[in-house]
Amino acid sequence: MNKILREHMGGAIFYVTNRADGEGVLFKDDADYASYLALLNKYKKLHDFKLFAFALLPTHLHLLIELKEGLSISSIMHDLNTNYTKYFNSKYQMKGHLFQERSKVVVAEKENYLLPIASYIHLNPQALKITPDAKDYTYSSYLLYLNMPLKTADAPDMSLEVKEALVFLKGRTLAQVMAPADMGLVARDIKKKYILGSAAFTRIIEDKLSEKPKPQTAMPSGAGPSKLVYASGVLAAVLLIAIAGLVMQGTKARKAYSEALANSNVELAQKLAEQKTQISRGLEEKYRADQVSFKAMSMRLEIEKKKIKELEAKVK
């Protein structure tokens, strides 16, 4: 199965393993282990995921994680591996990939597989003969399950996770859970399967993986990604042309408005000039008429004065 769930689902935990690219190693000295554990501590707090077990080995690493809603394994491993690669390449003056391209992820039913997978992770250094006893290996979380402190101060706080995990002992001892025969079965399942759990749990995971995301808009039948990209490009071009047309129309409209306004101003000025001329002419004509009337009245007044003088002469 190439497709595997990497996002939160209730009742599920995630076993994650990542190896060095090619024949390389991930950790060369104690400072390298401490640097990765410090990053694990940082991103555990930042992303707020549960870490139930870990083991760092020279060429690979193991993590057992439970996700909160909205978080994915991919985002966690990207942050961890990207930043550790920067540290490693800078320290050893190297370039390129440090980890294999993609982490191996197994999704498991928490209740039935948390302790078996945690035990498999803790026994891995012993199984690979890196240490004669898993309890003596510094860079794993095994001692926490034995109620003992870790030998490195850089490891993340896992006290709540260990307490939760030990609830699943259900009357058994940790030694019983870590029986060689059982560990052999867990190792086989982890290598061959991507889902570990009951039939009901497996069916839920498979159904979730088979769900097809609903498209936001309907796509014509037979339209693949290349056609969609082409159609998007055509649509973008049409929109650009339409926008350009609107801009040109807007420019023309503004020009026409300016011309109309200018013409209107000219016409208004002409009308004002004509009205001024008409008023001026009217005033001049009235002034002439008033002058004529004034002369006529003056002549009449002179005539009346003469008549008055003639009457006065007669009376004397």
Protein backbone atom coordinates (compact mmCIF):
# COMPACT_ATOMS: atom_id res chain seq x y z
CA MET A 1 0.00 0.00 0.00
CA ASN A 2 1.54 3.27 -1.14
CA LYS A 3 -1.09 5.47 0.45
CA ILE A 4 -1.14 5.68 4.23
CA LEU A 5 -3.00 7.86 6.68
CA ARG A 6 -0.74 10.56 8.11
CA GLU A 7 -3.35 12.77 9.77
CA HIS A 8 -5.18 12.71 13.11
CA MET A 9 -7.79 10.04 13.73
CA GLY A 10 -9.31 9.16 17.06
CA GLY A 11 -7.88 6.00 18.64
CA ALA A 12 -4.88 5.90 16.29
CA ILE A 13 -1.16 6.20 16.97
CA PHE A 14 1.65 6.48 14.42
CA TYR A 15 4.89 4.52 14.32
CA VAL A 16 7.45 6.53 12.33
CA THR A 17 10.91 5.48 11.23
CA ASN A 18 13.40 7.48 9.18
CA ARG A 19 16.77 6.35 7.83
CA ALA A 20 19.87 8.12 6.62
CA ASP A 21 20.07 8.60 2.88
CA GLY A 22 22.19 5.99 1.14
CA GLU A 23 24.83 4.42 3.36
CA GLY A 24 25.17 7.50 5.55
CA VAL A 25 24.66 7.98 9.28
CA LEU A 26 22.43 10.37 11.20
CA PHE A 27 24.38 10.65 14.45
CA LYS A 28 28.17 10.65 14.80
CA ASP A 29 28.64 11.78 18.40
CA ASP A 30 26.76 12.62 21.58
CA ALA A 31 26.24 16.23 20.49
CA ASP A 32 24.35 15.03 17.42
CA TYR A 33 21.96 12.92 19.50
CA ALA A 34 21.49 15.81 21.91
CA SER A 35 20.75 18.20 19.03
CA TYR A 36 18.02 15.94 17.61
CA LEU A 37 16.46 15.41 21.04
CA ALA A 38 16.43 19.17 21.61
CA LEU A 39 14.57 19.62 18.30
CA LEU A 40 12.18 16.83 19.25
CA ASN A 41 11.51 18.61 22.54
CA LYS A 42 11.00 21.94 20.73
CA TYR A 43 8.53 20.65 18.14
CA LYS A 44 6.67 18.46 20.63
CA LYS A 45 5.86 21.65 22.53
CA LEU A 46 5.19 23.66 19.38
CA HIS A 47 2.88 21.15 17.69
CA ASP A 48 1.50 19.72 20.94
CA PHE A 49 1.63 16.05 19.96
CA LYS A 50 2.02 13.06 22.29
CA LEU A 51 5.31 11.17 22.17
CA PHE A 52 4.99 7.66 23.61
CA ALA A 53 8.41 6.29 22.66
CA PHE A 54 11.62 7.09 20.80
CA ALA A 55 14.95 5.52 19.95
CA LEU A 56 17.77 7.24 18.07
CA LEU A 57 20.33 4.94 16.45
CA PRO A 58 23.37 5.79 14.31
CA THR A 59 21.69 5.14 10.95
CA HIS A 60 17.97 5.52 11.73
CA LEU A 61 15.40 6.57 14.32
CA HIS A 62 12.04 5.42 15.68
CA LEU A 63 9.16 7.54 17.05
CA LEU A 64 5.71 6.63 18.39
CA ILE A 65 3.35 9.59 18.13
CA GLU A 66 -0.29 10.46 18.71
CA LEU A 67 -1.58 13.48 16.81
CA LYS A 68 -3.99 16.16 17.87
CA GLU A 69 -6.71 17.23 15.46
CA GLY A 70 -5.46 19.34 12.57
CA LEU A 71 -1.88 18.02 12.79
CA SER A 72 -0.10 15.63 10.41
CA ILE A 73 2.94 13.38 10.66
CA SER A 74 4.35 15.05 7.56
CA SER A 75 4.43 18.51 9.17
CA ILE A 76 6.19 17.16 12.29
CA MET A 77 8.83 15.19 10.37
CA HIS A 78 9.43 18.04 7.94
CA ASP A 79 10.25 20.41 10.81
CA LEU A 80 12.41 17.87 12.63
CA ASN A 81 14.36 16.57 9.66
CA THR A 82 14.81 19.89 7.88
CA ASN A 83 16.26 21.61 10.91
CA TYR A 84 18.42 18.67 11.95
CA THR A 85 19.79 18.41 8.40
CA LYS A 86 20.78 22.09 8.55
CA TYR A 87 22.60 21.45 11.83
CA PHE A 88 24.32 18.28 10.55
CA ASN A 89 25.39 19.69 7.17
CA SER A 90 26.72 22.85 8.77
CA LYS A 91 28.68 20.92 11.41
CA TYR A 92 30.23 18.41 8.98
CA GLN A 93 30.43 20.76 5.97
CA MET A 94 28.12 18.63 3.86
CA LYS A 95 25.39 19.37 1.33
CA GLY A 96 22.21 17.69 0.13
CA HIS A 97 19.82 15.21 1.73
CA LEU A 98 20.58 13.59 5.05
CA PHE A 99 17.39 11.53 5.41
CA GLN A 100 15.70 9.24 2.96
CA GLU A 101 13.07 11.13 1.03
CA ARG A 102 9.99 9.90 2.92
CA SER A 103 9.45 8.50 6.41
CA LYS A 104 7.93 5.06 6.79
CA VAL A 105 4.67 5.40 8.71
CA VAL A 106 2.47 2.70 10.24
CA VAL A 107 -0.91 3.67 11.70
CA ALA A 108 -1.92 1.46 14.64
CA GLU A 109 -4.83 0.98 16.99
CA LYS A 110 -3.80 2.66 20.23
CA GLU A 111 -5.36 0.31 22.76
CA ASN A 112 -3.95 -2.89 21.30
CA TYR A 113 -0.62 -1.72 19.88
CA LEU A 114 0.73 1.16 21.95
CA LEU A 115 2.74 -0.96 24.39
CA PRO A 116 3.87 -3.61 21.86
CA ILE A 117 5.21 -0.97 19.44
CA ALA A 118 6.81 1.05 22.24
CA SER A 119 8.51 -2.14 23.44
CA TYR A 120 9.69 -2.95 19.90
CA ILE A 121 11.23 0.54 19.67
CA HIS A 122 12.94 0.20 23.05
CA LEU A 123 14.40 -3.23 22.24
CA ASN A 124 15.66 -2.18 18.80
CA PRO A 125 19.18 -1.12 19.96
CA GLN A 126 19.56 -4.49 21.70
CA ALA A 127 18.17 -6.44 18.75
CA LEU A 128 20.71 -4.76 16.45
CA LYS A 129 23.49 -5.52 19.00
CA ILE A 130 24.31 -1.84 19.47
CA THR A 131 24.04 -2.49 23.22
CA PRO A 132 23.91 -5.76 25.17
CA ASP A 133 20.98 -4.52 27.26
CA ALA A 134 18.27 -2.09 26.14
CA LYS A 135 18.26 -0.50 29.60
CA ASP A 136 21.82 0.72 29.03
CA TYR A 137 21.09 2.55 25.80
CA THR A 138 21.18 6.30 26.38
CA TYR A 139 19.15 7.57 23.44
CA SER A 140 15.78 5.86 23.92
CA SER A 141 12.81 6.40 26.22
CA TYR A 142 12.99 2.88 27.73
CA LEU A 143 14.17 3.97 31.19
CA LEU A 144 11.04 6.12 31.61
CA TYR A 145 8.92 2.94 31.39
CA LEU A 146 11.08 1.47 34.14
CA ASN A 147 10.41 4.54 36.29
CA MET A 148 14.01 5.69 35.93
CA PRO A 149 15.35 9.03 34.67
CA LEU A 150 16.91 9.31 31.22
CA LYS A 151 20.64 9.80 30.92
CA THR A 152 20.29 12.89 28.75
CA ALA A 153 18.81 16.21 29.78
CA ASP A 154 17.83 17.11 26.21
CA ALA A 155 14.97 14.63 25.86
CA PRO A 156 11.37 15.90 25.86
CA ASP A 157 9.12 15.48 28.88
CA MET A 158 7.08 12.29 28.40
CA SER A 159 5.86 11.69 31.94
CA LEU A 160 2.15 12.00 31.08
CA GLU A 161 2.48 9.79 28.00
CA VAL A 162 4.30 7.02 29.91
CA LYS A 163 1.67 7.10 32.66
CA GLU A 164 -1.07 6.78 30.02
CA ALA A 165 0.76 3.97 28.21
CA LEU A 166 1.23 1.87 31.35
CA VAL A 167 -2.55 1.80 31.85
CA PHE A 168 -2.66 -0.61 28.91
CA LEU A 169 -0.66 -3.20 30.86
CA LYS A 170 -4.01 -4.37 32.26
CA GLY A 171 -2.47 -6.57 34.95
CA ARG A 172 0.50 -7.71 32.89
CA THR A 173 4.12 -6.82 33.52
CA LEU A 174 6.25 -4.93 31.02
CA ALA A 175 8.43 -8.02 30.66
CA GLN A 176 5.41 -10.03 29.57
CA VAL A 177 4.55 -7.45 26.94
CA MET A 178 8.15 -7.55 25.69
CA ALA A 179 8.30 -11.35 25.28
CA PRO A 180 10.61 -12.27 22.37
CA ALA A 181 7.90 -14.18 20.51
CA ASP A 182 5.53 -11.22 20.66
CA MET A 183 8.28 -8.80 19.62
CA GLY A 184 9.01 -11.01 16.64
CA LEU A 185 5.39 -10.73 15.52
CA VAL A 186 5.38 -6.95 16.00
CA ALA A 187 8.64 -6.61 14.03
CA ARG A 188 7.19 -8.68 11.19
CA ASP A 189 3.94 -6.70 11.09
CA ILE A 190 5.71 -3.34 11.15
CA LYS A 191 7.91 -4.33 8.21
CA LYS A 192 5.08 -5.76 6.10
CA LYS A 193 1.98 -3.74 7.01
CA TYR A 194 0.88 -0.11 7.12
CA ILE A 195 -2.18 -0.65 9.33
CA LEU A 196 -2.10 -2.55 12.63
CA GLY A 197 -5.31 -3.16 14.52
CA SER A 198 -8.59 -5.01 14.74
CA ALA A 199 -10.69 -5.73 11.67
CA ALA A 200 -13.03 -2.86 12.56
CA PHE A 201 -10.12 -0.40 13.01
CA THR A 202 -8.51 -1.51 9.74
CA ARG A 203 -11.80 -1.08 7.88
CA ILE A 204 -12.23 2.47 9.24
CA ILE A 205 -8.71 3.41 8.12
CA GLU A 206 -9.16 1.87 4.69
CA ASP A 207 -12.49 3.64 4.24
CA LYS A 208 -10.89 6.93 5.21
CA LEU A 209 -8.06 6.37 2.74
CA SER A 210 -10.52 5.57 -0.04
CA GLU A 211 -12.46 8.79 0.46
CA LYS A 212 -12.12 11.09 -2.51
CA PRO A 213 -11.86 14.80 -1.80
CA LYS A 214 -14.87 16.73 -3.09
CA PRO A 215 -13.95 19.15 -5.84
CA GLN A 216 -14.82 22.77 -5.15
CA THR A 217 -16.10 23.22 -8.70
CA ALA A 218 -17.34 20.68 -11.20
CA MET A 219 -14.75 19.55 -13.74
CA PRO A 220 -15.82 18.47 -17.22
CA SER A 221 -15.56 14.74 -17.90
CA GLY A 222 -12.07 13.76 -19.05
CA ALA A 223 -10.54 16.99 -17.88
CA GLY A 224 -7.19 16.16 -16.31
CA PRO A 225 -4.73 18.44 -14.52
CA SER A 226 -3.14 19.59 -17.77
CA LYS A 227 -6.53 20.54 -19.21
CA LEU A 228 -7.44 22.32 -16.02
CA VAL A 229 -4.18 24.27 -16.11
CA TYR A 230 -4.81 25.12 -19.78
CA ALA A 231 -8.39 26.19 -19.04
CA SER A 232 -7.17 28.30 -16.14
CA GLY A 233 -4.63 29.94 -18.42
CA VAL A 234 -7.27 30.70 -21.03
CA LEU A 235 -9.60 32.11 -18.39
CA ALA A 236 -6.81 34.28 -17.03
CA ALA A 237 -6.05 35.57 -20.54
CA VAL A 238 -9.72 36.36 -21.16
CA LEU A 239 -9.92 38.21 -17.87
CA LEU A 240 -6.80 40.21 -18.70
CA ILE A 241 -8.23 41.14 -22.10
CA ALA A 242 -11.53 42.13 -20.51
CA ILE A 243 -9.75 44.23 -17.90
CA ALA A 244 -7.66 45.89 -20.61
CA GLY A 245 -10.84 46.60 -22.57
CA LEU A 246 -12.47 48.15 -19.54
CA VAL A 247 -9.40 50.28 -18.92
CA MET A 248 -9.43 51.45 -22.54
CA GLN A 249 -13.14 52.16 -22.36
CA GLY A 250 -12.60 54.05 -19.15
CA THR A 251 -9.85 56.10 -20.78
CA LYS A 252 -12.04 56.88 -23.76
CA ALA A 253 -14.93 57.79 -21.50
CA ARG A 254 -12.73 60.14 -19.47
CA LYS A 255 -11.44 61.73 -22.69
CA ALA A 256 -14.96 62.14 -24.06
CA TYR A 257 -16.10 63.64 -20.78
CA SER A 258 -13.19 66.09 -20.78
CA GLU A 259 -13.93 67.10 -24.37
CA ALA A 260 -17.64 67.50 -23.61
CA LEU A 261 -16.83 69.58 -20.57
CA ALA A 262 -14.49 71.77 -22.58
CA ASN A 263 -17.11 72.21 -25.32
CA SER A 264 -19.71 72.98 -22.69
CA ASN A 265 -17.47 75.62 -21.16
CA VAL A 266 -16.93 77.21 -24.59
CA GLU A 267 -20.65 77.26 -25.29
CA LEU A 268 -21.34 78.76 -21.89
CA ALA A 269 -18.72 81.45 -22.44
CA GLN A 270 -20.24 82.25 -25.82
CA LYS A 271 -23.72 82.52 -24.34
CA LEU A 272 -22.45 84.78 -21.56
CA ALA A 273 -20.70 87.00 -24.09
CA GLU A 274 -23.84 87.22 -26.22
CA GLN A 275 -25.97 88.06 -23.17
CA LYS A 276 -23.44 90.71 -22.10
CA THR A 277 -23.51 92.26 -25.56
CA GLN A 278 -27.31 92.24 -25.60
CA ILE A 279 -27.49 93.86 -22.15
CA SER A 280 -24.91 96.45 -23.14
CA ARG A 281 -26.81 97.31 -26.29
CA GLY A 282 -30.06 97.54 -24.36
CA LEU A 283 -28.51 99.91 -21.85
CA GLU A 284 -27.04 102.07 -24.61
CA GLU A 285 -30.40 102.25 -26.39
CA LYS A 286 -32.14 103.14 -23.15
CA TYR A 287 -29.52 105.78 -22.45
CA ARG A 288 -30.12 107.38 -25.87
CA ALA A 289 -33.84 107.28 -25.39
CA ASP A 290 -33.45 108.89 -22.00
CA GLN A 291 -31.28 111.62 -23.52
CA VAL A 292 -33.93 112.34 -26.15
CA SER A 293 -36.60 112.47 -23.50
CA PHE A 294 -34.47 114.76 -21.38
CA LYS A 295 -33.98 117.19 -24.27
CA ALA A 296 -37.66 117.18 -25.07
CA MET A 297 -38.54 117.88 -21.45
CA SER A 298 -35.98 120.67 -21.32
CA MET A 299 -37.49 122.32 -24.40
CA ARG A 300 -40.98 122.08 -22.95
CA LEU A 301 -39.72 123.57 -19.71
CA GLU A 302 -38.23 126.53 -21.58
CA ILE A 303 -41.52 127.06 -23.42
CA GLU A 304 -43.47 127.01 -20.17
CA LYS A 305 -41.06 129.52 -18.65
CA LYS A 306 -41.60 131.90 -21.57
CA LYS A 307 -45.38 131.59 -21.16
CA ILE A 308 -45.13 132.39 -17.47
CA LYS A 309 -43.03 135.49 -18.20
CA GLU A 310 -45.51 136.67 -20.82
CA LEU A 311 -48.43 136.28 -18.37
CA GLU A 312 -46.56 138.13 -15.64
CA ALA A 313 -45.84 141.03 -18.06
CA LYS A 314 -49.55 141.28 -18.93
CA VAL A 315 -50.55 141.36 -15.27
CA LYS A 316 -48.25 144.29 -14.51
